[in-house]
Amino acid sequence: MTAVPDIQILLPKHKVLWLLKAAYGNILVPTSVIQEVQSNTMDQAISEGWLELLDPDTDYVMRVDEIESRSGIGLSRGEEACIALALQHEAHPIVTNDREVGAVAKLLGIRTEGIPSVILRASNSGAISKEDGLRLFHEVSRSTCPSLGEFMCLYELFTGKMMNVSTQGHSGLSQENSLSG
């Protein structure tokens, strides 16, 4: 599987680049994005051959621009390039935590996944333990503020327990139930 991460996913503070390899195998990154986030880890990934730098063709960038115009969503050039690259190379998913990137991608029929999915995929592949996955998720979530739904999904998948959300006028968490019955 090949994925295209957006710029926020590649920020070195998240330290998730190696997880992208474990989760997806091959990664495509627009050259415009790599210029903003250059790091030794990226240089190593490029030399190992699992991260490729490519520029999307103008036709694909124009398709993304057209969807942006129709939807009223404004993306950065780097975000546009990520979506265009995914569209051109049929590389799914786009790995993003950005709602606007996700909305434009969805309008173009491109699936997206967030950092929780990357962590879960890496854990399922054996690249990291569930405990390390949870620890990494908490570290990353401090700066990306994932939604309650993403947290609940990760909690359930890592612990095997279901969290019930109270619907009594607030979004507090109530009791836990085992997923196994």
N, C-alpha and C. Protein backbone atom coordinates (compact mmCIF):
# COMPACT_ATOMS: atom_id res chain seq x y z
N MET A 1 0.85 -1.17 0.00
CA MET A 1 0.00 0.00 0.00
C MET A 1 0.90 1.23 0.00
N THR A 2 0.47 2.25 -0.70
CA THR A 2 1.20 3.51 -0.75
C THR A 2 0.33 4.60 -0.16
N ALA A 3 0.93 5.45 0.66
CA ALA A 3 0.20 6.55 1.30
C ALA A 3 0.89 7.86 0.99
N VAL A 4 0.13 8.95 1.11
CA VAL A 4 0.66 10.30 0.95
C VAL A 4 0.35 11.07 2.22
N PRO A 5 1.37 11.40 3.03
CA PRO A 5 1.12 12.18 4.25
C PRO A 5 1.13 13.67 3.95
N ASP A 6 0.29 14.44 4.65
CA ASP A 6 0.34 15.89 4.47
C ASP A 6 1.43 16.47 5.36
N ILE A 7 1.67 17.76 5.23
CA ILE A 7 2.79 18.40 5.89
C ILE A 7 2.74 18.29 7.41
N GLN A 8 1.56 18.39 8.00
CA GLN A 8 1.47 18.33 9.45
C GLN A 8 1.85 16.96 9.99
N ILE A 9 1.60 15.92 9.21
CA ILE A 9 1.97 14.57 9.63
C ILE A 9 3.48 14.41 9.59
N LEU A 10 4.13 15.10 8.67
CA LEU A 10 5.57 14.95 8.50
C LEU A 10 6.39 15.80 9.44
N LEU A 11 5.76 16.68 10.18
CA LEU A 11 6.53 17.54 11.07
C LEU A 11 7.39 16.70 12.02
N PRO A 12 8.67 16.98 12.09
CA PRO A 12 9.57 16.16 12.90
C PRO A 12 9.17 16.05 14.36
N LYS A 13 8.45 17.03 14.89
CA LYS A 13 8.08 16.94 16.31
C LYS A 13 7.20 15.73 16.59
N HIS A 14 6.52 15.21 15.55
CA HIS A 14 5.66 14.05 15.76
C HIS A 14 6.42 12.74 15.70
N LYS A 15 7.59 12.74 15.08
CA LYS A 15 8.43 11.55 15.02
C LYS A 15 7.67 10.33 14.50
N VAL A 16 6.83 10.52 13.50
CA VAL A 16 6.02 9.40 13.00
C VAL A 16 6.47 8.89 11.63
N LEU A 17 7.54 9.45 11.09
CA LEU A 17 7.95 9.05 9.75
C LEU A 17 8.22 7.55 9.66
N TRP A 18 8.94 7.01 10.62
CA TRP A 18 9.24 5.57 10.59
C TRP A 18 7.97 4.73 10.76
N LEU A 19 6.97 5.29 11.44
CA LEU A 19 5.70 4.58 11.57
C LEU A 19 4.96 4.50 10.24
N LEU A 20 5.13 5.54 9.40
CA LEU A 20 4.49 5.52 8.09
C LEU A 20 5.00 4.34 7.27
N LYS A 21 6.29 4.07 7.35
CA LYS A 21 6.86 2.92 6.63
C LYS A 21 6.25 1.63 7.17
N ALA A 22 6.17 1.50 8.48
CA ALA A 22 5.62 0.28 9.08
C ALA A 22 4.14 0.11 8.73
N ALA A 23 3.43 1.22 8.66
CA ALA A 23 1.99 1.17 8.42
C ALA A 23 1.63 0.98 6.95
N TYR A 24 2.40 1.59 6.05
CA TYR A 24 1.99 1.61 4.64
C TYR A 24 3.03 1.06 3.67
N GLY A 25 4.25 0.97 4.08
CA GLY A 25 5.29 0.46 3.18
C GLY A 25 5.93 1.53 2.34
N ASN A 26 5.18 2.12 1.43
CA ASN A 26 5.71 3.15 0.53
C ASN A 26 5.02 4.48 0.78
N ILE A 27 5.81 5.55 0.71
CA ILE A 27 5.30 6.88 0.98
C ILE A 27 5.68 7.80 -0.17
N LEU A 28 4.71 8.56 -0.67
CA LEU A 28 4.95 9.57 -1.69
C LEU A 28 4.81 10.94 -1.06
N VAL A 29 5.77 11.82 -1.35
CA VAL A 29 5.75 13.16 -0.78
C VAL A 29 6.06 14.16 -1.89
N PRO A 30 5.24 15.20 -2.02
CA PRO A 30 5.56 16.25 -3.00
C PRO A 30 6.85 16.97 -2.63
N THR A 31 7.64 17.32 -3.62
CA THR A 31 8.90 18.02 -3.33
C THR A 31 8.66 19.35 -2.61
N SER A 32 7.54 20.00 -2.88
CA SER A 32 7.24 21.27 -2.20
C SER A 32 7.11 21.08 -0.70
N VAL A 33 6.61 19.93 -0.29
CA VAL A 33 6.44 19.64 1.14
C VAL A 33 7.78 19.30 1.76
N ILE A 34 8.57 18.51 1.08
CA ILE A 34 9.85 18.07 1.65
C ILE A 34 10.76 19.27 1.91
N GLN A 35 10.65 20.31 1.10
CA GLN A 35 11.47 21.50 1.31
C GLN A 35 11.12 22.18 2.62
N GLU A 36 9.89 22.03 3.05
CA GLU A 36 9.45 22.65 4.30
C GLU A 36 9.81 21.83 5.52
N VAL A 37 10.05 20.53 5.34
CA VAL A 37 10.22 19.64 6.47
C VAL A 37 11.50 18.80 6.39
N GLN A 38 12.49 19.25 5.69
CA GLN A 38 13.70 18.48 5.48
C GLN A 38 14.30 18.02 6.82
N SER A 39 14.70 16.75 6.87
CA SER A 39 15.33 16.21 8.08
C SER A 39 16.23 15.05 7.69
N ASN A 40 17.11 14.68 8.61
CA ASN A 40 18.00 13.53 8.37
C ASN A 40 17.21 12.25 8.22
N THR A 41 16.13 12.12 8.98
CA THR A 41 15.30 10.92 8.89
C THR A 41 14.70 10.80 7.50
N MET A 42 14.27 11.91 6.93
CA MET A 42 13.71 11.89 5.58
C MET A 42 14.79 11.54 4.56
N ASP A 43 15.97 12.10 4.72
CA ASP A 43 17.07 11.77 3.81
C ASP A 43 17.35 10.27 3.83
N GLN A 44 17.34 9.68 5.01
CA GLN A 44 17.58 8.24 5.14
C GLN A 44 16.45 7.45 4.47
N ALA A 45 15.21 7.87 4.68
CA ALA A 45 14.06 7.18 4.07
C ALA A 45 14.13 7.23 2.55
N ILE A 46 14.55 8.35 2.02
CA ILE A 46 14.69 8.49 0.56
C ILE A 46 15.79 7.55 0.06
N SER A 47 16.92 7.52 0.77
CA SER A 47 18.02 6.66 0.33
C SER A 47 17.67 5.18 0.45
N GLU A 48 16.81 4.83 1.40
CA GLU A 48 16.36 3.43 1.54
C GLU A 48 15.31 3.06 0.50
N GLY A 49 14.71 4.06 -0.15
CA GLY A 49 13.80 3.82 -1.25
C GLY A 49 12.32 3.68 -0.91
N TRP A 50 11.94 3.86 0.34
CA TRP A 50 10.52 3.73 0.68
C TRP A 50 9.79 5.07 0.74
N LEU A 51 10.53 6.16 0.63
CA LEU A 51 9.93 7.47 0.53
C LEU A 51 10.38 8.08 -0.80
N GLU A 52 9.40 8.44 -1.63
CA GLU A 52 9.69 9.01 -2.94
C GLU A 52 9.25 10.46 -3.00
N LEU A 53 10.09 11.30 -3.58
CA LEU A 53 9.74 12.69 -3.82
C LEU A 53 9.26 12.83 -5.25
N LEU A 54 8.06 13.36 -5.41
CA LEU A 54 7.47 13.53 -6.72
C LEU A 54 6.71 14.85 -6.77
N ASP A 55 6.58 15.39 -7.97
CA ASP A 55 5.72 16.55 -8.18
C ASP A 55 4.48 16.09 -8.93
N PRO A 56 3.30 16.48 -8.48
CA PRO A 56 2.09 16.09 -9.22
C PRO A 56 2.01 16.85 -10.54
N ASP A 57 1.42 16.21 -11.54
CA ASP A 57 1.19 16.87 -12.82
C ASP A 57 0.20 18.01 -12.63
N THR A 58 0.35 19.03 -13.44
CA THR A 58 -0.50 20.23 -13.36
C THR A 58 -1.98 19.89 -13.48
N ASP A 59 -2.32 18.93 -14.33
CA ASP A 59 -3.74 18.55 -14.50
C ASP A 59 -4.37 18.12 -13.18
N TYR A 60 -3.62 17.39 -12.37
CA TYR A 60 -4.15 16.91 -11.09
C TYR A 60 -4.25 18.06 -10.07
N VAL A 61 -3.29 18.96 -10.09
CA VAL A 61 -3.35 20.12 -9.21
C VAL A 61 -4.56 20.98 -9.58
N MET A 62 -4.83 21.10 -10.88
CA MET A 62 -5.99 21.88 -11.33
C MET A 62 -7.30 21.23 -10.89
N ARG A 63 -7.37 19.89 -10.87
CA ARG A 63 -8.58 19.21 -10.38
C ARG A 63 -8.80 19.50 -8.91
N VAL A 64 -7.72 19.51 -8.14
CA VAL A 64 -7.82 19.83 -6.72
C VAL A 64 -8.27 21.27 -6.55
N ASP A 65 -7.67 22.18 -7.31
CA ASP A 65 -8.07 23.61 -7.26
C ASP A 65 -9.55 23.78 -7.57
N GLU A 66 -10.04 23.04 -8.56
CA GLU A 66 -11.45 23.14 -8.95
C GLU A 66 -12.36 22.73 -7.80
N ILE A 67 -12.02 21.64 -7.13
CA ILE A 67 -12.82 21.17 -5.98
C ILE A 67 -12.75 22.19 -4.85
N GLU A 68 -11.58 22.75 -4.62
CA GLU A 68 -11.44 23.79 -3.59
C GLU A 68 -12.37 24.97 -3.89
N SER A 69 -12.35 25.41 -5.14
CA SER A 69 -13.18 26.56 -5.52
C SER A 69 -14.66 26.27 -5.33
N ARG A 70 -15.09 25.09 -5.75
CA ARG A 70 -16.51 24.73 -5.63
C ARG A 70 -16.94 24.58 -4.17
N SER A 71 -16.03 24.08 -3.34
CA SER A 71 -16.40 23.81 -1.95
C SER A 71 -16.15 24.99 -1.02
N GLY A 72 -15.39 25.97 -1.50
CA GLY A 72 -15.07 27.12 -0.65
C GLY A 72 -13.97 26.85 0.35
N ILE A 73 -13.27 25.74 0.17
CA ILE A 73 -12.17 25.38 1.07
C ILE A 73 -10.87 25.90 0.46
N GLY A 74 -10.03 26.48 1.29
CA GLY A 74 -8.73 26.96 0.84
C GLY A 74 -7.61 26.18 1.48
N LEU A 75 -6.80 25.53 0.68
CA LEU A 75 -5.67 24.74 1.18
C LEU A 75 -4.36 25.40 0.81
N SER A 76 -3.31 25.04 1.52
CA SER A 76 -1.98 25.52 1.18
C SER A 76 -1.49 24.79 -0.08
N ARG A 77 -0.45 25.31 -0.70
CA ARG A 77 0.12 24.66 -1.89
C ARG A 77 0.60 23.25 -1.56
N GLY A 78 1.20 23.09 -0.39
CA GLY A 78 1.67 21.77 0.01
C GLY A 78 0.53 20.78 0.18
N GLU A 79 -0.57 21.22 0.78
CA GLU A 79 -1.74 20.35 0.95
C GLU A 79 -2.35 20.00 -0.40
N GLU A 80 -2.44 20.98 -1.28
CA GLU A 80 -2.95 20.72 -2.63
C GLU A 80 -2.08 19.69 -3.34
N ALA A 81 -0.77 19.84 -3.21
CA ALA A 81 0.16 18.92 -3.87
C ALA A 81 0.02 17.50 -3.33
N CYS A 82 -0.20 17.37 -2.03
CA CYS A 82 -0.40 16.03 -1.44
C CYS A 82 -1.64 15.36 -2.03
N ILE A 83 -2.73 16.10 -2.11
CA ILE A 83 -3.97 15.53 -2.65
C ILE A 83 -3.80 15.21 -4.14
N ALA A 84 -3.18 16.12 -4.89
CA ALA A 84 -2.98 15.89 -6.32
C ALA A 84 -2.09 14.67 -6.55
N LEU A 85 -1.07 14.50 -5.74
CA LEU A 85 -0.17 13.36 -5.87
C LEU A 85 -0.91 12.05 -5.58
N ALA A 86 -1.74 12.05 -4.54
CA ALA A 86 -2.53 10.86 -4.21
C ALA A 86 -3.50 10.53 -5.34
N LEU A 87 -4.11 11.55 -5.89
CA LEU A 87 -5.05 11.37 -6.99
C LEU A 87 -4.34 10.81 -8.23
N GLN A 88 -3.23 11.40 -8.57
CA GLN A 88 -2.48 10.99 -9.76
C GLN A 88 -1.96 9.56 -9.67
N HIS A 89 -1.44 9.18 -8.52
CA HIS A 89 -0.82 7.87 -8.36
C HIS A 89 -1.74 6.84 -7.71
N GLU A 90 -3.00 7.23 -7.51
CA GLU A 90 -3.97 6.36 -6.84
C GLU A 90 -3.38 5.79 -5.55
N ALA A 91 -2.71 6.68 -4.83
CA ALA A 91 -2.08 6.32 -3.56
C ALA A 91 -3.04 6.68 -2.44
N HIS A 92 -3.62 5.67 -1.85
CA HIS A 92 -4.59 5.89 -0.77
C HIS A 92 -4.09 5.15 0.45
N PRO A 93 -4.13 5.72 1.57
CA PRO A 93 -4.81 6.96 1.95
C PRO A 93 -3.88 8.17 1.91
N ILE A 94 -4.51 9.33 2.07
CA ILE A 94 -3.76 10.52 2.46
C ILE A 94 -3.77 10.49 3.98
N VAL A 95 -2.62 10.61 4.58
CA VAL A 95 -2.53 10.59 6.04
C VAL A 95 -2.56 12.04 6.51
N THR A 96 -3.63 12.39 7.20
CA THR A 96 -3.83 13.77 7.63
C THR A 96 -4.71 13.82 8.87
N ASN A 97 -4.54 14.85 9.64
CA ASN A 97 -5.45 15.16 10.74
C ASN A 97 -6.20 16.45 10.46
N ASP A 98 -6.03 16.98 9.24
CA ASP A 98 -6.64 18.25 8.85
C ASP A 98 -8.00 18.00 8.22
N ARG A 99 -9.04 18.59 8.80
CA ARG A 99 -10.41 18.39 8.30
C ARG A 99 -10.61 18.91 6.89
N GLU A 100 -10.00 20.04 6.57
CA GLU A 100 -10.17 20.59 5.23
C GLU A 100 -9.50 19.73 4.17
N VAL A 101 -8.31 19.22 4.47
CA VAL A 101 -7.65 18.29 3.54
C VAL A 101 -8.54 17.06 3.37
N GLY A 102 -9.07 16.56 4.46
CA GLY A 102 -9.95 15.39 4.41
C GLY A 102 -11.20 15.64 3.59
N ALA A 103 -11.77 16.84 3.72
CA ALA A 103 -13.00 17.16 2.99
C ALA A 103 -12.74 17.20 1.48
N VAL A 104 -11.66 17.85 1.07
CA VAL A 104 -11.33 17.92 -0.36
C VAL A 104 -10.99 16.53 -0.89
N ALA A 105 -10.23 15.77 -0.12
CA ALA A 105 -9.88 14.41 -0.54
C ALA A 105 -11.14 13.57 -0.73
N LYS A 106 -12.07 13.67 0.20
CA LYS A 106 -13.32 12.91 0.11
C LYS A 106 -14.10 13.27 -1.15
N LEU A 107 -14.15 14.55 -1.47
CA LEU A 107 -14.85 14.99 -2.67
C LEU A 107 -14.22 14.42 -3.94
N LEU A 108 -12.94 14.08 -3.86
CA LEU A 108 -12.23 13.49 -5.00
C LEU A 108 -12.18 11.96 -4.93
N GLY A 109 -12.84 11.40 -3.91
CA GLY A 109 -12.88 9.95 -3.77
C GLY A 109 -11.62 9.34 -3.19
N ILE A 110 -10.86 10.14 -2.46
CA ILE A 110 -9.62 9.66 -1.85
C ILE A 110 -9.86 9.44 -0.36
N ARG A 111 -9.51 8.27 0.11
CA ARG A 111 -9.64 7.91 1.52
C ARG A 111 -8.56 8.61 2.33
N THR A 112 -8.88 9.00 3.56
CA THR A 112 -7.90 9.60 4.46
C THR A 112 -7.83 8.80 5.76
N GLU A 113 -6.71 8.90 6.41
CA GLU A 113 -6.51 8.31 7.73
C GLU A 113 -5.69 9.29 8.55
N GLY A 114 -5.89 9.26 9.86
CA GLY A 114 -5.16 10.14 10.76
C GLY A 114 -4.05 9.41 11.49
N ILE A 115 -3.38 10.12 12.37
CA ILE A 115 -2.28 9.54 13.14
C ILE A 115 -2.74 8.31 13.93
N PRO A 116 -3.95 8.30 14.51
CA PRO A 116 -4.37 7.08 15.21
C PRO A 116 -4.33 5.83 14.31
N SER A 117 -4.72 5.98 13.06
CA SER A 117 -4.68 4.84 12.13
C SER A 117 -3.25 4.41 11.84
N VAL A 118 -2.35 5.38 11.72
CA VAL A 118 -0.94 5.05 11.48
C VAL A 118 -0.40 4.24 12.65
N ILE A 119 -0.70 4.70 13.86
CA ILE A 119 -0.22 4.02 15.07
C ILE A 119 -0.81 2.61 15.15
N LEU A 120 -2.10 2.49 14.87
CA LEU A 120 -2.76 1.19 14.92
C LEU A 120 -2.18 0.24 13.87
N ARG A 121 -2.00 0.73 12.65
CA ARG A 121 -1.41 -0.11 11.59
C ARG A 121 0.00 -0.56 11.98
N ALA A 122 0.79 0.36 12.52
CA ALA A 122 2.16 0.02 12.93
C ALA A 122 2.14 -1.03 14.05
N SER A 123 1.20 -0.91 14.96
CA SER A 123 1.06 -1.89 16.03
C SER A 123 0.64 -3.24 15.47
N ASN A 124 -0.34 -3.23 14.58
CA ASN A 124 -0.81 -4.49 13.98
C ASN A 124 0.27 -5.17 13.15
N SER A 125 1.20 -4.40 12.59
CA SER A 125 2.27 -4.98 11.79
C SER A 125 3.39 -5.52 12.68
N GLY A 126 3.33 -5.22 13.98
CA GLY A 126 4.37 -5.67 14.90
C GLY A 126 5.54 -4.71 15.03
N ALA A 127 5.46 -3.56 14.36
CA ALA A 127 6.55 -2.59 14.43
C ALA A 127 6.66 -1.95 15.81
N ILE A 128 5.52 -1.83 16.50
CA ILE A 128 5.51 -1.31 17.86
C ILE A 128 4.51 -2.13 18.67
N SER A 129 4.71 -2.15 19.98
CA SER A 129 3.77 -2.85 20.86
C SER A 129 2.53 -1.97 21.07
N LYS A 130 1.46 -2.58 21.56
CA LYS A 130 0.25 -1.81 21.87
C LYS A 130 0.55 -0.74 22.93
N GLU A 131 1.37 -1.11 23.92
CA GLU A 131 1.72 -0.15 24.97
C GLU A 131 2.48 1.04 24.39
N ASP A 132 3.46 0.75 23.51
CA ASP A 132 4.19 1.84 22.87
C ASP A 132 3.27 2.67 21.98
N GLY A 133 2.32 2.01 21.33
CA GLY A 133 1.35 2.71 20.50
C GLY A 133 0.53 3.69 21.31
N LEU A 134 0.05 3.24 22.46
CA LEU A 134 -0.73 4.14 23.32
C LEU A 134 0.12 5.30 23.82
N ARG A 135 1.35 4.99 24.22
CA ARG A 135 2.26 6.03 24.70
C ARG A 135 2.52 7.06 23.59
N LEU A 136 2.77 6.58 22.38
CA LEU A 136 3.01 7.47 21.25
C LEU A 136 1.76 8.28 20.92
N PHE A 137 0.61 7.63 20.97
CA PHE A 137 -0.64 8.34 20.70
C PHE A 137 -0.82 9.50 21.68
N HIS A 138 -0.57 9.26 22.96
CA HIS A 138 -0.72 10.33 23.95
C HIS A 138 0.28 11.45 23.70
N GLU A 139 1.51 11.12 23.33
CA GLU A 139 2.52 12.13 23.02
C GLU A 139 2.09 12.99 21.84
N VAL A 140 1.64 12.34 20.78
CA VAL A 140 1.23 13.05 19.58
C VAL A 140 -0.05 13.83 19.81
N SER A 141 -0.99 13.27 20.57
CA SER A 141 -2.29 13.91 20.76
C SER A 141 -2.18 15.23 21.50
N ARG A 142 -1.15 15.39 22.29
CA ARG A 142 -0.99 16.66 23.00
C ARG A 142 -0.85 17.83 22.03
N SER A 143 -0.27 17.58 20.86
CA SER A 143 -0.08 18.68 19.92
C SER A 143 -1.12 18.68 18.80
N THR A 144 -1.80 17.58 18.58
CA THR A 144 -2.76 17.54 17.47
C THR A 144 -4.21 17.54 17.91
N CYS A 145 -4.47 17.34 19.21
CA CYS A 145 -5.83 17.36 19.76
C CYS A 145 -6.82 16.52 18.96
N PRO A 146 -6.68 15.19 18.99
CA PRO A 146 -7.61 14.35 18.24
C PRO A 146 -9.01 14.41 18.82
N SER A 147 -9.96 14.06 18.01
CA SER A 147 -11.34 14.07 18.47
C SER A 147 -11.59 12.96 19.47
N LEU A 148 -12.64 13.08 20.22
CA LEU A 148 -13.01 12.05 21.18
C LEU A 148 -13.24 10.72 20.48
N GLY A 149 -13.82 10.75 19.30
CA GLY A 149 -14.08 9.52 18.55
C GLY A 149 -12.81 8.78 18.22
N GLU A 150 -11.76 9.49 17.80
CA GLU A 150 -10.49 8.83 17.50
C GLU A 150 -9.90 8.20 18.76
N PHE A 151 -9.98 8.93 19.87
CA PHE A 151 -9.46 8.40 21.13
C PHE A 151 -10.21 7.13 21.52
N MET A 152 -11.53 7.18 21.41
CA MET A 152 -12.34 6.02 21.80
C MET A 152 -12.00 4.82 20.92
N CYS A 153 -11.85 5.04 19.64
CA CYS A 153 -11.52 3.96 18.71
C CYS A 153 -10.19 3.33 19.08
N LEU A 154 -9.19 4.15 19.33
CA LEU A 154 -7.88 3.62 19.72
C LEU A 154 -7.96 2.86 21.04
N TYR A 155 -8.65 3.44 22.00
CA TYR A 155 -8.79 2.81 23.30
C TYR A 155 -9.40 1.42 23.15
N GLU A 156 -10.48 1.34 22.37
CA GLU A 156 -11.17 0.07 22.18
C GLU A 156 -10.28 -0.94 21.47
N LEU A 157 -9.57 -0.51 20.45
CA LEU A 157 -8.75 -1.44 19.70
C LEU A 157 -7.55 -1.93 20.50
N PHE A 158 -6.95 -1.04 21.29
CA PHE A 158 -5.77 -1.43 22.06
C PHE A 158 -6.11 -2.20 23.33
N THR A 159 -7.23 -1.89 23.97
CA THR A 159 -7.54 -2.53 25.24
C THR A 159 -8.56 -3.66 25.13
N GLY A 160 -9.30 -3.69 24.03
CA GLY A 160 -10.35 -4.70 23.90
C GLY A 160 -11.59 -4.35 24.70
N LYS A 161 -11.67 -3.13 25.22
CA LYS A 161 -12.82 -2.68 25.99
C LYS A 161 -13.53 -1.55 25.26
N MET A 162 -14.85 -1.56 25.32
CA MET A 162 -15.63 -0.52 24.66
C MET A 162 -15.94 0.59 25.66
N MET A 163 -15.83 1.84 25.21
CA MET A 163 -16.18 2.98 26.05
C MET A 163 -17.55 3.46 25.63
N ASN A 164 -18.43 3.68 26.59
CA ASN A 164 -19.75 4.23 26.29
C ASN A 164 -19.73 5.72 26.56
N VAL A 165 -20.28 6.48 25.64
CA VAL A 165 -20.36 7.92 25.81
C VAL A 165 -21.75 8.27 26.31
N SER A 166 -21.80 9.01 27.38
CA SER A 166 -23.07 9.45 27.92
C SER A 166 -23.74 10.43 26.97
N THR A 167 -25.03 10.30 26.79
CA THR A 167 -25.76 11.22 25.90
C THR A 167 -26.66 12.14 26.71
N GLN A 168 -26.36 12.34 27.98
CA GLN A 168 -27.21 13.15 28.85
C GLN A 168 -26.73 14.60 28.87
N GLY A 169 -26.61 15.22 27.68
CA GLY A 169 -26.28 16.63 27.61
C GLY A 169 -24.82 16.97 27.71
N HIS A 170 -23.95 15.96 27.87
CA HIS A 170 -22.52 16.22 27.89
C HIS A 170 -21.80 15.03 27.27
N SER A 171 -20.54 15.22 27.00
CA SER A 171 -19.80 14.14 26.34
C SER A 171 -18.85 13.44 27.30
N GLY A 172 -19.24 13.33 28.55
CA GLY A 172 -18.41 12.62 29.51
C GLY A 172 -18.42 11.14 29.25
N LEU A 173 -17.43 10.45 29.74
CA LEU A 173 -17.33 9.01 29.54
C LEU A 173 -17.98 8.30 30.71
N SER A 174 -18.69 7.25 30.38
CA SER A 174 -19.31 6.46 31.44
C SER A 174 -18.63 5.11 31.54
N GLN A 175 -19.36 4.08 31.77
CA GLN A 175 -18.77 2.77 32.08
C GLN A 175 -18.07 2.15 30.89
N GLU A 176 -17.19 1.17 31.17
CA GLU A 176 -16.48 0.41 30.16
C GLU A 176 -17.10 -0.96 30.06
N ASN A 177 -17.18 -1.48 28.87
CA ASN A 177 -17.67 -2.83 28.64
C ASN A 177 -16.64 -3.60 27.83
N SER A 178 -16.50 -4.87 28.09
CA SER A 178 -15.58 -5.70 27.32
C SER A 178 -16.13 -5.90 25.92
N LEU A 179 -15.27 -5.83 24.90
CA LEU A 179 -15.69 -6.06 23.53
C LEU A 179 -15.93 -7.55 23.29
N SER A 180 -15.34 -8.38 24.13
CA SER A 180 -15.49 -9.82 23.93
C SER A 180 -16.77 -10.36 24.51
N GLY A 181 -17.54 -9.53 25.13
CA GLY A 181 -18.83 -9.99 25.62
C GLY A 181 -18.92 -9.81 27.06
